[in-house]
Amino acid sequence: MSGGVIFRALRHLGRALGAALRRVFSPFAWRDVRATQAWVYQENALTGDRRAVHLGGGYAALDIGWLRGAQGRGTVFGSFSRVDVTPRGSE
């Protein structure tokens, strides 16, 4: 086997291992970015996903622009619901 074949195989293995580790640890990587009167905005440090969690008891406008962010997707968690704010046709 040549060095190039081995290098490509190791690179592929590294990518697969990295993806598996991101899937395992991503539920624990949510960080609070900011909070308003009724919402806590969070971002996942591993995947870059964003979400807003409703705190209940009050009203404040939801920042959809921030939720979509650079990746164009986000999730809103309300009292009894979950809504994805991904624009149609961007998937």
N, C-alpha and C. Protein backbone atom coordinates (compact mmCIF):
# COMPACT_ATOMS: atom_id res chain seq x y z
N MET A 1 0.85 -1.19 0.00
CA MET A 1 0.00 0.00 0.00
C MET A 1 0.88 1.24 0.00
N SER A 2 0.47 2.19 -0.75
CA SER A 2 1.24 3.43 -0.79
C SER A 2 0.83 4.33 0.37
N GLY A 3 1.69 5.30 0.64
CA GLY A 3 1.41 6.22 1.75
C GLY A 3 0.16 7.04 1.53
N GLY A 4 -0.15 7.37 0.25
CA GLY A 4 -1.34 8.16 -0.04
C GLY A 4 -2.63 7.43 0.27
N VAL A 5 -2.66 6.13 0.00
CA VAL A 5 -3.85 5.33 0.28
C VAL A 5 -4.07 5.22 1.78
N ILE A 6 -3.00 4.99 2.50
CA ILE A 6 -3.11 4.88 3.97
C ILE A 6 -3.55 6.21 4.56
N PHE A 7 -2.97 7.31 4.07
CA PHE A 7 -3.35 8.63 4.57
C PHE A 7 -4.83 8.91 4.33
N ARG A 8 -5.33 8.60 3.13
CA ARG A 8 -6.76 8.82 2.83
C ARG A 8 -7.64 7.96 3.72
N ALA A 9 -7.24 6.72 3.97
CA ALA A 9 -8.03 5.84 4.84
C ALA A 9 -8.06 6.37 6.27
N LEU A 10 -6.93 6.85 6.76
CA LEU A 10 -6.89 7.40 8.12
C LEU A 10 -7.70 8.69 8.21
N ARG A 11 -7.66 9.51 7.17
CA ARG A 11 -8.44 10.75 7.17
C ARG A 11 -9.93 10.43 7.19
N HIS A 12 -10.36 9.44 6.41
CA HIS A 12 -11.76 9.03 6.39
C HIS A 12 -12.17 8.49 7.76
N LEU A 13 -11.33 7.69 8.37
CA LEU A 13 -11.61 7.15 9.70
C LEU A 13 -11.72 8.27 10.72
N GLY A 14 -10.84 9.27 10.62
CA GLY A 14 -10.89 10.40 11.54
C GLY A 14 -12.17 11.20 11.41
N ARG A 15 -12.64 11.40 10.17
CA ARG A 15 -13.89 12.12 9.96
C ARG A 15 -15.07 11.35 10.54
N ALA A 16 -15.09 10.05 10.32
CA ALA A 16 -16.19 9.23 10.85
C ALA A 16 -16.18 9.23 12.37
N LEU A 17 -15.00 9.12 12.96
CA LEU A 17 -14.89 9.14 14.42
C LEU A 17 -15.31 10.50 14.97
N GLY A 18 -14.90 11.58 14.30
CA GLY A 18 -15.29 12.92 14.74
C GLY A 18 -16.79 13.12 14.68
N ALA A 19 -17.42 12.63 13.62
CA ALA A 19 -18.87 12.76 13.50
C ALA A 19 -19.58 11.97 14.58
N ALA A 20 -19.08 10.78 14.88
CA ALA A 20 -19.69 9.96 15.94
C ALA A 20 -19.55 10.64 17.30
N LEU A 21 -18.39 11.22 17.57
CA LEU A 21 -18.20 11.91 18.85
C LEU A 21 -19.08 13.14 18.96
N ARG A 22 -19.26 13.87 17.85
CA ARG A 22 -20.17 15.03 17.89
C ARG A 22 -21.59 14.60 18.20
N ARG A 23 -22.05 13.50 17.62
CA ARG A 23 -23.41 13.01 17.90
C ARG A 23 -23.56 12.61 19.36
N VAL A 24 -22.52 12.03 19.94
CA VAL A 24 -22.59 11.58 21.33
C VAL A 24 -22.58 12.76 22.29
N PHE A 25 -21.72 13.74 22.04
CA PHE A 25 -21.54 14.82 23.00
C PHE A 25 -22.37 16.07 22.72
N SER A 26 -23.02 16.17 21.56
CA SER A 26 -23.76 17.39 21.24
C SER A 26 -24.92 17.68 22.20
N PRO A 27 -25.62 16.70 22.77
CA PRO A 27 -26.68 17.07 23.71
C PRO A 27 -26.17 17.79 24.96
N PHE A 28 -24.88 17.67 25.24
CA PHE A 28 -24.31 18.30 26.43
C PHE A 28 -23.58 19.60 26.12
N ALA A 29 -23.64 20.06 24.87
CA ALA A 29 -22.87 21.22 24.45
C ALA A 29 -23.71 22.49 24.31
N TRP A 30 -24.94 22.49 24.81
CA TRP A 30 -25.77 23.69 24.71
C TRP A 30 -25.31 24.72 25.72
N ARG A 31 -25.13 25.96 25.26
CA ARG A 31 -24.69 27.06 26.12
C ARG A 31 -25.66 28.22 25.98
N ASP A 32 -25.98 28.86 27.11
CA ASP A 32 -26.83 30.04 27.08
C ASP A 32 -26.05 31.19 26.46
N VAL A 33 -26.67 31.85 25.49
CA VAL A 33 -26.03 32.98 24.83
C VAL A 33 -26.58 34.29 25.39
N ARG A 34 -27.90 34.35 25.52
CA ARG A 34 -28.53 35.53 26.10
C ARG A 34 -29.92 35.16 26.57
N ALA A 35 -30.50 36.06 27.36
CA ALA A 35 -31.85 35.82 27.87
C ALA A 35 -32.64 37.12 27.80
N THR A 36 -33.93 36.99 27.52
CA THR A 36 -34.85 38.13 27.57
C THR A 36 -35.86 37.82 28.66
N GLN A 37 -36.94 38.58 28.70
CA GLN A 37 -37.94 38.37 29.74
C GLN A 37 -38.61 37.01 29.65
N ALA A 38 -38.77 36.50 28.43
CA ALA A 38 -39.51 35.25 28.27
C ALA A 38 -38.73 34.15 27.56
N TRP A 39 -37.53 34.45 27.03
CA TRP A 39 -36.80 33.47 26.23
C TRP A 39 -35.35 33.35 26.69
N VAL A 40 -34.82 32.15 26.60
CA VAL A 40 -33.38 31.93 26.76
C VAL A 40 -32.88 31.43 25.41
N TYR A 41 -31.90 32.12 24.86
CA TYR A 41 -31.33 31.75 23.56
C TYR A 41 -30.08 30.91 23.82
N GLN A 42 -30.01 29.75 23.16
CA GLN A 42 -28.90 28.83 23.36
C GLN A 42 -28.28 28.45 22.03
N GLU A 43 -26.97 28.14 22.08
CA GLU A 43 -26.26 27.70 20.88
C GLU A 43 -25.44 26.47 21.24
N ASN A 44 -25.42 25.50 20.32
CA ASN A 44 -24.67 24.28 20.54
C ASN A 44 -23.24 24.51 20.07
N ALA A 45 -22.28 24.32 20.97
CA ALA A 45 -20.88 24.59 20.66
C ALA A 45 -20.31 23.62 19.63
N LEU A 46 -20.86 22.42 19.51
CA LEU A 46 -20.32 21.43 18.58
C LEU A 46 -20.97 21.50 17.20
N THR A 47 -22.28 21.67 17.16
CA THR A 47 -22.99 21.62 15.88
C THR A 47 -23.30 23.00 15.31
N GLY A 48 -23.31 24.02 16.15
CA GLY A 48 -23.67 25.36 15.69
C GLY A 48 -25.17 25.60 15.63
N ASP A 49 -25.98 24.61 15.99
CA ASP A 49 -27.43 24.79 16.00
C ASP A 49 -27.82 25.80 17.07
N ARG A 50 -28.94 26.45 16.85
CA ARG A 50 -29.43 27.44 17.81
C ARG A 50 -30.86 27.09 18.20
N ARG A 51 -31.24 27.48 19.43
CA ARG A 51 -32.61 27.26 19.87
C ARG A 51 -33.00 28.33 20.87
N ALA A 52 -34.30 28.50 21.02
CA ALA A 52 -34.87 29.41 22.00
C ALA A 52 -35.81 28.61 22.88
N VAL A 53 -35.67 28.75 24.17
CA VAL A 53 -36.51 28.03 25.13
C VAL A 53 -37.37 29.05 25.87
N HIS A 54 -38.70 28.83 25.81
CA HIS A 54 -39.63 29.75 26.47
C HIS A 54 -39.62 29.49 27.96
N LEU A 55 -39.45 30.55 28.73
CA LEU A 55 -39.41 30.43 30.19
C LEU A 55 -40.79 30.42 30.80
N GLY A 56 -41.79 30.86 30.06
CA GLY A 56 -43.15 30.92 30.57
C GLY A 56 -43.37 32.22 31.33
N GLY A 57 -44.63 32.54 31.52
CA GLY A 57 -44.98 33.71 32.31
C GLY A 57 -44.50 35.01 31.72
N GLY A 58 -44.98 35.37 30.58
CA GLY A 58 -44.60 36.65 30.00
C GLY A 58 -44.52 36.58 28.50
N TYR A 59 -44.33 37.76 27.91
CA TYR A 59 -44.23 37.82 26.46
C TYR A 59 -43.04 38.68 26.10
N ALA A 60 -42.28 38.22 25.15
CA ALA A 60 -41.21 39.01 24.54
C ALA A 60 -41.10 38.52 23.10
N ALA A 61 -40.81 39.42 22.21
CA ALA A 61 -40.69 39.05 20.81
C ALA A 61 -39.55 38.05 20.62
N LEU A 62 -39.75 37.13 19.71
CA LEU A 62 -38.76 36.10 19.42
C LEU A 62 -37.84 36.59 18.30
N ASP A 63 -36.55 36.43 18.48
CA ASP A 63 -35.57 36.89 17.49
C ASP A 63 -35.32 35.77 16.47
N ILE A 64 -36.16 35.72 15.44
CA ILE A 64 -36.06 34.67 14.42
C ILE A 64 -34.76 34.82 13.63
N GLY A 65 -34.33 36.05 13.38
CA GLY A 65 -33.09 36.27 12.64
C GLY A 65 -31.90 35.64 13.32
N TRP A 66 -31.82 35.75 14.64
CA TRP A 66 -30.71 35.13 15.37
C TRP A 66 -30.82 33.61 15.32
N LEU A 67 -32.04 33.10 15.44
CA LEU A 67 -32.22 31.65 15.43
C LEU A 67 -31.76 31.03 14.12
N ARG A 68 -32.05 31.69 13.02
CA ARG A 68 -31.63 31.16 11.73
C ARG A 68 -30.13 31.24 11.58
N GLY A 69 -29.53 32.30 12.04
CA GLY A 69 -28.09 32.44 12.09
C GLY A 69 -27.38 32.11 10.78
N ALA A 70 -26.14 31.73 10.88
CA ALA A 70 -25.32 31.44 9.71
C ALA A 70 -25.75 30.15 9.01
N GLN A 71 -26.27 29.18 9.76
CA GLN A 71 -26.63 27.90 9.17
C GLN A 71 -28.06 27.90 8.62
N GLY A 72 -28.85 28.90 8.96
CA GLY A 72 -30.19 29.00 8.41
C GLY A 72 -31.21 28.10 9.07
N ARG A 73 -30.96 27.67 10.30
CA ARG A 73 -31.94 26.81 10.97
C ARG A 73 -31.90 27.06 12.47
N GLY A 74 -33.01 26.77 13.10
CA GLY A 74 -33.11 26.93 14.55
C GLY A 74 -34.36 26.25 15.04
N THR A 75 -34.50 26.14 16.34
CA THR A 75 -35.64 25.47 16.94
C THR A 75 -36.17 26.32 18.08
N VAL A 76 -37.50 26.37 18.19
CA VAL A 76 -38.15 27.10 19.27
C VAL A 76 -38.85 26.08 20.15
N PHE A 77 -38.58 26.12 21.44
CA PHE A 77 -39.24 25.24 22.40
C PHE A 77 -40.19 26.09 23.24
N GLY A 78 -41.50 25.81 23.10
CA GLY A 78 -42.50 26.50 23.88
C GLY A 78 -42.93 25.63 25.05
N SER A 79 -44.02 26.00 25.68
CA SER A 79 -44.50 25.26 26.83
C SER A 79 -44.84 23.81 26.47
N PHE A 80 -45.56 23.62 25.36
CA PHE A 80 -45.97 22.27 24.99
C PHE A 80 -45.67 21.97 23.52
N SER A 81 -44.76 22.71 22.92
CA SER A 81 -44.53 22.51 21.50
C SER A 81 -43.07 22.72 21.14
N ARG A 82 -42.74 22.27 19.95
CA ARG A 82 -41.42 22.47 19.37
C ARG A 82 -41.62 22.85 17.91
N VAL A 83 -41.00 23.94 17.48
CA VAL A 83 -41.18 24.43 16.12
C VAL A 83 -39.81 24.67 15.50
N ASP A 84 -39.59 24.11 14.30
CA ASP A 84 -38.37 24.39 13.56
C ASP A 84 -38.59 25.63 12.72
N VAL A 85 -37.61 26.53 12.67
CA VAL A 85 -37.75 27.77 11.93
C VAL A 85 -36.91 27.78 10.65
N THR A 86 -36.65 26.60 10.11
CA THR A 86 -35.91 26.48 8.87
C THR A 86 -36.79 26.95 7.72
N PRO A 87 -36.31 27.87 6.89
CA PRO A 87 -37.13 28.32 5.77
C PRO A 87 -37.39 27.19 4.76
N ARG A 88 -38.53 27.23 4.12
CA ARG A 88 -38.87 26.20 3.14
C ARG A 88 -37.90 26.24 1.96
N GLY A 89 -37.54 25.07 1.48
CA GLY A 89 -36.66 24.97 0.33
C GLY A 89 -35.19 25.08 0.64
N SER A 90 -34.81 25.26 1.92
CA SER A 90 -33.39 25.40 2.25
C SER A 90 -32.79 24.10 2.76
N GLU A 91 -33.55 23.02 2.77
CA GLU A 91 -33.07 21.76 3.31
C GLU A 91 -32.39 20.93 2.26
